[in-house]
Every structure is written in C-alpha cells, then in structure tokens.
Amino acid sequence: MPNNTVSGLAQTDDGYLWLGTPNGLARFDGVTFEDFSPTNFVAPPNRGTIVMLRGRDDALWLGLDRGGVVRLHGRDSRTFTAGLPNVIPNGLAEDAEGALWVAYRG
C-alpha cells in the first residue's frame, strides 16, 4: 500500500476493495494490493485520496487532498479541478439524477 493510513474506502462491482491514502490509491483483490500513483490520473499538487464513493454506474469517485475530484470507470479517468476550491474534501454524494456533490472542510 502507498501508506498505512486509510482515509477512504469503497468496493466496486468487480469485487475489488479500493483504499485511499494520503499518498495515493490502492486496490485489493483479497490477496494482494496494487498501488496506483495519483500522477496516473491527476497533476500535482493533488496526490492524496481523502474521500471515495462508488457511483451508481460503478464509477469510482475520488476526492483529493487539494480539492480536485477524479472519476475512474474501467480504464477511463476524468479529472475535475477547474472552479473547485483548493481545500480538503470531507464527503462525496450522488443525488437521484446522478449529479455529484462534494462537501469541503470549512
């Protein structure tokens, strides 16, 4: 694992358990951990995964330590940083229409 401190946790339909840490993201298959560097899907200074949410379409949403949000779905990723505050998120939720809501500290 990229770090022993787990700040986010989610399980996807394929059975993987995803763990967010201050240093990145790890996937656990029940036997081994596979690390994913945050630079694979977001530019610095974002690096730590603080909160996570499995979306209703089985996408994995990540709230990052500098306020960015990432959507991972299969091999595709999409990063959102423009217009978002540069503060630590503390919650993610999806509404009935599928819109993502992000709560930030403060």
N, C-alpha and C. Protein backbone atom coordinates (compact mmCIF):
# COMPACT_ATOMS: atom_id res chain seq x y z
N MET A 1 0.83 -1.18 0.00
CA MET A 1 0.00 0.00 0.00
C MET A 1 0.87 1.24 0.00
N PRO A 2 0.37 2.33 -0.62
CA PRO A 2 1.19 3.54 -0.65
C PRO A 2 1.37 4.20 0.71
N ASN A 3 0.51 3.85 1.69
CA ASN A 3 0.59 4.43 3.02
C ASN A 3 -0.26 3.57 3.95
N ASN A 4 0.09 3.49 5.23
CA ASN A 4 -0.68 2.68 6.17
C ASN A 4 -1.90 3.40 6.73
N THR A 5 -2.08 4.67 6.41
CA THR A 5 -3.24 5.42 6.85
C THR A 5 -4.29 5.39 5.75
N VAL A 6 -5.46 4.85 6.05
CA VAL A 6 -6.54 4.76 5.07
C VAL A 6 -7.55 5.86 5.37
N SER A 7 -7.80 6.71 4.36
CA SER A 7 -8.74 7.82 4.55
C SER A 7 -10.02 7.63 3.75
N GLY A 8 -10.02 6.72 2.81
CA GLY A 8 -11.21 6.45 2.00
C GLY A 8 -11.29 4.98 1.67
N LEU A 9 -12.51 4.48 1.50
CA LEU A 9 -12.72 3.06 1.26
C LEU A 9 -13.96 2.88 0.39
N ALA A 10 -13.87 2.04 -0.63
CA ALA A 10 -15.02 1.74 -1.48
C ALA A 10 -14.80 0.38 -2.12
N GLN A 11 -15.91 -0.28 -2.46
CA GLN A 11 -15.83 -1.56 -3.17
C GLN A 11 -16.62 -1.44 -4.46
N THR A 12 -16.02 -1.89 -5.57
CA THR A 12 -16.68 -1.84 -6.86
C THR A 12 -17.33 -3.18 -7.17
N ASP A 13 -18.20 -3.18 -8.17
CA ASP A 13 -18.96 -4.38 -8.52
C ASP A 13 -18.07 -5.57 -8.90
N ASP A 14 -16.87 -5.30 -9.36
CA ASP A 14 -15.96 -6.40 -9.73
C ASP A 14 -15.31 -7.06 -8.52
N GLY A 15 -15.66 -6.60 -7.32
CA GLY A 15 -15.17 -7.21 -6.08
C GLY A 15 -13.93 -6.57 -5.50
N TYR A 16 -13.29 -5.66 -6.23
CA TYR A 16 -12.10 -5.00 -5.70
C TYR A 16 -12.46 -4.07 -4.56
N LEU A 17 -11.61 -4.03 -3.56
CA LEU A 17 -11.71 -3.08 -2.47
C LEU A 17 -10.68 -2.00 -2.74
N TRP A 18 -11.11 -0.76 -2.80
CA TRP A 18 -10.24 0.37 -3.09
C TRP A 18 -9.98 1.14 -1.80
N LEU A 19 -8.72 1.49 -1.57
CA LEU A 19 -8.32 2.20 -0.37
C LEU A 19 -7.62 3.50 -0.76
N GLY A 20 -8.13 4.61 -0.25
CA GLY A 20 -7.50 5.90 -0.46
C GLY A 20 -6.57 6.20 0.69
N THR A 21 -5.40 6.72 0.37
CA THR A 21 -4.41 7.07 1.39
C THR A 21 -3.87 8.47 1.12
N PRO A 22 -3.17 9.05 2.08
CA PRO A 22 -2.57 10.36 1.85
C PRO A 22 -1.55 10.38 0.71
N ASN A 23 -1.07 9.21 0.30
CA ASN A 23 -0.06 9.14 -0.76
C ASN A 23 -0.58 8.55 -2.06
N GLY A 24 -1.85 8.19 -2.12
CA GLY A 24 -2.34 7.62 -3.37
C GLY A 24 -3.53 6.71 -3.19
N LEU A 25 -3.56 5.69 -4.04
CA LEU A 25 -4.70 4.80 -4.13
C LEU A 25 -4.20 3.37 -4.26
N ALA A 26 -4.89 2.44 -3.61
CA ALA A 26 -4.53 1.03 -3.71
C ALA A 26 -5.79 0.22 -3.98
N ARG A 27 -5.60 -0.88 -4.69
CA ARG A 27 -6.70 -1.81 -4.98
C ARG A 27 -6.33 -3.15 -4.38
N PHE A 28 -7.29 -3.76 -3.69
CA PHE A 28 -7.07 -5.04 -3.02
C PHE A 28 -8.02 -6.07 -3.60
N ASP A 29 -7.47 -7.21 -4.02
CA ASP A 29 -8.28 -8.27 -4.63
C ASP A 29 -8.61 -9.40 -3.67
N GLY A 30 -8.27 -9.23 -2.40
CA GLY A 30 -8.48 -10.27 -1.40
C GLY A 30 -7.20 -10.99 -1.03
N VAL A 31 -6.16 -10.81 -1.87
CA VAL A 31 -4.86 -11.44 -1.61
C VAL A 31 -3.74 -10.41 -1.66
N THR A 32 -3.72 -9.59 -2.71
CA THR A 32 -2.62 -8.64 -2.89
C THR A 32 -3.14 -7.22 -3.12
N PHE A 33 -2.27 -6.26 -2.77
CA PHE A 33 -2.54 -4.86 -3.01
C PHE A 33 -1.83 -4.43 -4.28
N GLU A 34 -2.48 -3.57 -5.06
CA GLU A 34 -1.85 -2.96 -6.23
C GLU A 34 -1.93 -1.46 -6.04
N ASP A 35 -0.78 -0.78 -6.08
CA ASP A 35 -0.72 0.66 -5.89
C ASP A 35 -0.96 1.39 -7.20
N PHE A 36 -1.66 2.52 -7.11
CA PHE A 36 -1.89 3.40 -8.25
C PHE A 36 -1.38 4.78 -7.88
N SER A 37 -0.39 5.26 -8.61
CA SER A 37 0.14 6.59 -8.35
C SER A 37 -0.89 7.62 -8.77
N PRO A 38 -1.12 8.64 -7.96
CA PRO A 38 -2.08 9.67 -8.35
C PRO A 38 -1.68 10.40 -9.62
N THR A 39 -0.39 10.42 -9.96
CA THR A 39 0.03 11.10 -11.18
C THR A 39 -0.45 10.36 -12.43
N ASN A 40 -1.01 9.15 -12.27
CA ASN A 40 -1.60 8.45 -13.41
C ASN A 40 -2.89 9.13 -13.87
N PHE A 41 -3.54 9.89 -12.97
CA PHE A 41 -4.82 10.48 -13.35
C PHE A 41 -5.01 11.93 -12.94
N VAL A 42 -4.07 12.52 -12.20
CA VAL A 42 -4.20 13.93 -11.82
C VAL A 42 -2.81 14.55 -11.68
N ALA A 43 -2.72 15.84 -12.01
CA ALA A 43 -1.45 16.54 -11.91
C ALA A 43 -1.20 17.00 -10.47
N PRO A 44 0.08 17.09 -10.08
CA PRO A 44 0.39 17.65 -8.77
C PRO A 44 -0.17 19.07 -8.68
N PRO A 45 -0.49 19.57 -7.51
CA PRO A 45 -0.12 19.09 -6.20
C PRO A 45 -1.09 18.05 -5.63
N ASN A 46 -2.21 17.76 -6.31
CA ASN A 46 -3.11 16.73 -5.81
C ASN A 46 -2.36 15.41 -5.76
N ARG A 47 -2.50 14.68 -4.66
CA ARG A 47 -1.84 13.37 -4.58
C ARG A 47 -2.55 12.41 -3.65
N GLY A 48 -3.11 12.91 -2.56
CA GLY A 48 -3.74 12.02 -1.60
C GLY A 48 -5.23 11.86 -1.86
N THR A 49 -5.73 10.65 -1.67
CA THR A 49 -7.16 10.39 -1.79
C THR A 49 -7.76 10.47 -0.39
N ILE A 50 -8.65 11.43 -0.20
CA ILE A 50 -9.21 11.69 1.12
C ILE A 50 -10.56 11.01 1.31
N VAL A 51 -11.44 11.13 0.33
CA VAL A 51 -12.77 10.51 0.39
C VAL A 51 -13.04 9.78 -0.92
N MET A 52 -13.90 8.76 -0.85
CA MET A 52 -14.22 7.96 -2.03
C MET A 52 -15.70 7.63 -2.04
N LEU A 53 -16.21 7.38 -3.25
CA LEU A 53 -17.61 7.00 -3.41
C LEU A 53 -17.72 6.10 -4.63
N ARG A 54 -18.42 5.00 -4.48
CA ARG A 54 -18.75 4.19 -5.65
C ARG A 54 -20.03 4.77 -6.23
N GLY A 55 -19.95 5.24 -7.46
CA GLY A 55 -21.11 5.84 -8.11
C GLY A 55 -22.11 4.80 -8.56
N ARG A 56 -23.29 5.27 -8.90
CA ARG A 56 -24.34 4.34 -9.26
C ARG A 56 -24.08 3.62 -10.57
N ASP A 57 -23.18 4.13 -11.41
CA ASP A 57 -22.80 3.42 -12.63
C ASP A 57 -21.51 2.63 -12.43
N ASP A 58 -21.16 2.37 -11.18
CA ASP A 58 -19.96 1.64 -10.76
C ASP A 58 -18.67 2.42 -11.02
N ALA A 59 -18.80 3.72 -11.29
CA ALA A 59 -17.60 4.55 -11.36
C ALA A 59 -17.08 4.75 -9.95
N LEU A 60 -15.80 5.00 -9.83
CA LEU A 60 -15.19 5.27 -8.55
C LEU A 60 -14.82 6.75 -8.51
N TRP A 61 -15.41 7.48 -7.58
CA TRP A 61 -15.13 8.90 -7.41
C TRP A 61 -14.12 9.09 -6.29
N LEU A 62 -13.13 9.95 -6.52
CA LEU A 62 -12.09 10.24 -5.53
C LEU A 62 -12.09 11.73 -5.22
N GLY A 63 -12.10 12.09 -3.95
CA GLY A 63 -11.90 13.47 -3.52
C GLY A 63 -10.47 13.59 -3.04
N LEU A 64 -9.70 14.47 -3.68
CA LEU A 64 -8.27 14.56 -3.43
C LEU A 64 -7.90 15.65 -2.45
N ASP A 65 -6.70 15.55 -1.91
CA ASP A 65 -6.26 16.42 -0.81
C ASP A 65 -6.14 17.90 -1.15
N ARG A 66 -6.15 18.28 -2.40
CA ARG A 66 -6.09 19.69 -2.78
C ARG A 66 -7.40 20.13 -3.43
N GLY A 67 -8.48 19.36 -3.21
CA GLY A 67 -9.80 19.76 -3.67
C GLY A 67 -10.24 19.19 -5.00
N GLY A 68 -9.33 18.60 -5.75
CA GLY A 68 -9.69 18.01 -7.04
C GLY A 68 -10.56 16.78 -6.87
N VAL A 69 -11.28 16.45 -7.92
CA VAL A 69 -12.14 15.27 -7.95
C VAL A 69 -11.80 14.46 -9.19
N VAL A 70 -11.72 13.14 -9.03
CA VAL A 70 -11.41 12.25 -10.14
C VAL A 70 -12.50 11.20 -10.25
N ARG A 71 -12.89 10.88 -11.49
CA ARG A 71 -13.84 9.80 -11.76
C ARG A 71 -13.09 8.71 -12.51
N LEU A 72 -13.03 7.52 -11.93
CA LEU A 72 -12.42 6.36 -12.56
C LEU A 72 -13.53 5.39 -12.94
N HIS A 73 -13.51 4.94 -14.19
CA HIS A 73 -14.51 3.97 -14.65
C HIS A 73 -13.83 3.07 -15.69
N GLY A 74 -13.60 1.83 -15.29
CA GLY A 74 -12.84 0.94 -16.17
C GLY A 74 -11.44 1.49 -16.37
N ARG A 75 -11.02 1.61 -17.61
CA ARG A 75 -9.71 2.18 -17.92
C ARG A 75 -9.75 3.69 -18.15
N ASP A 76 -10.93 4.28 -18.05
CA ASP A 76 -11.08 5.72 -18.29
C ASP A 76 -10.99 6.49 -16.98
N SER A 77 -10.42 7.69 -17.09
CA SER A 77 -10.39 8.58 -15.94
C SER A 77 -10.70 9.99 -16.41
N ARG A 78 -11.32 10.74 -15.53
CA ARG A 78 -11.62 12.14 -15.82
C ARG A 78 -11.34 12.93 -14.55
N THR A 79 -10.60 14.02 -14.69
CA THR A 79 -10.20 14.84 -13.56
C THR A 79 -10.91 16.19 -13.60
N PHE A 80 -11.39 16.62 -12.44
CA PHE A 80 -12.06 17.90 -12.31
C PHE A 80 -11.30 18.73 -11.28
N THR A 81 -10.77 19.88 -11.70
CA THR A 81 -10.09 20.79 -10.78
C THR A 81 -10.54 22.23 -10.99
N ALA A 82 -10.88 22.59 -12.22
CA ALA A 82 -11.26 23.98 -12.53
C ALA A 82 -12.51 24.38 -11.74
N GLY A 83 -12.41 25.50 -11.06
CA GLY A 83 -13.54 26.03 -10.32
C GLY A 83 -13.77 25.39 -8.97
N LEU A 84 -12.99 24.39 -8.61
CA LEU A 84 -13.14 23.74 -7.31
C LEU A 84 -12.20 24.41 -6.30
N PRO A 85 -12.61 24.48 -5.03
CA PRO A 85 -11.73 25.10 -4.03
C PRO A 85 -10.50 24.24 -3.76
N ASN A 86 -9.44 24.89 -3.36
CA ASN A 86 -8.19 24.21 -3.03
C ASN A 86 -8.17 23.90 -1.53
N VAL A 87 -9.16 23.11 -1.10
CA VAL A 87 -9.26 22.71 0.30
C VAL A 87 -9.60 21.23 0.37
N ILE A 88 -9.46 20.66 1.55
CA ILE A 88 -9.65 19.22 1.73
C ILE A 88 -11.14 18.87 1.70
N PRO A 89 -11.53 17.92 0.87
CA PRO A 89 -12.93 17.48 0.88
C PRO A 89 -13.19 16.55 2.06
N ASN A 90 -14.44 16.50 2.52
CA ASN A 90 -14.74 15.56 3.60
C ASN A 90 -15.97 14.71 3.30
N GLY A 91 -16.51 14.81 2.08
CA GLY A 91 -17.63 13.96 1.73
C GLY A 91 -17.99 14.04 0.27
N LEU A 92 -18.47 12.93 -0.28
CA LEU A 92 -18.97 12.85 -1.65
C LEU A 92 -20.34 12.18 -1.60
N ALA A 93 -21.27 12.65 -2.43
CA ALA A 93 -22.59 12.03 -2.51
C ALA A 93 -23.12 12.21 -3.92
N GLU A 94 -23.96 11.29 -4.35
CA GLU A 94 -24.62 11.37 -5.64
C GLU A 94 -26.12 11.55 -5.40
N ASP A 95 -26.74 12.46 -6.15
CA ASP A 95 -28.17 12.64 -5.98
C ASP A 95 -28.95 11.74 -6.94
N ALA A 96 -30.27 11.83 -6.92
CA ALA A 96 -31.13 10.94 -7.71
C ALA A 96 -30.91 11.10 -9.21
N GLU A 97 -30.44 12.27 -9.66
CA GLU A 97 -30.17 12.48 -11.09
C GLU A 97 -28.76 12.09 -11.49
N GLY A 98 -27.95 11.65 -10.52
CA GLY A 98 -26.58 11.25 -10.81
C GLY A 98 -25.55 12.36 -10.67
N ALA A 99 -25.97 13.55 -10.23
CA ALA A 99 -25.02 14.64 -10.01
C ALA A 99 -24.18 14.35 -8.77
N LEU A 100 -22.91 14.71 -8.83
CA LEU A 100 -22.01 14.50 -7.70
C LEU A 100 -21.98 15.77 -6.85
N TRP A 101 -22.09 15.60 -5.54
CA TRP A 101 -21.99 16.69 -4.59
C TRP A 101 -20.73 16.47 -3.77
N VAL A 102 -19.97 17.54 -3.57
CA VAL A 102 -18.72 17.47 -2.81
C VAL A 102 -18.83 18.42 -1.62
N ALA A 103 -18.58 17.90 -0.43
CA ALA A 103 -18.52 18.73 0.78
C ALA A 103 -17.06 18.96 1.12
N TYR A 104 -16.73 20.21 1.41
CA TYR A 104 -15.36 20.58 1.75
C TYR A 104 -15.29 21.03 3.20
N ARG A 105 -14.14 20.84 3.81
CA ARG A 105 -13.93 21.31 5.18
C ARG A 105 -14.02 22.82 5.22
N GLY A 106 -14.67 23.32 6.24
CA GLY A 106 -14.79 24.76 6.42
C GLY A 106 -15.91 25.35 5.58
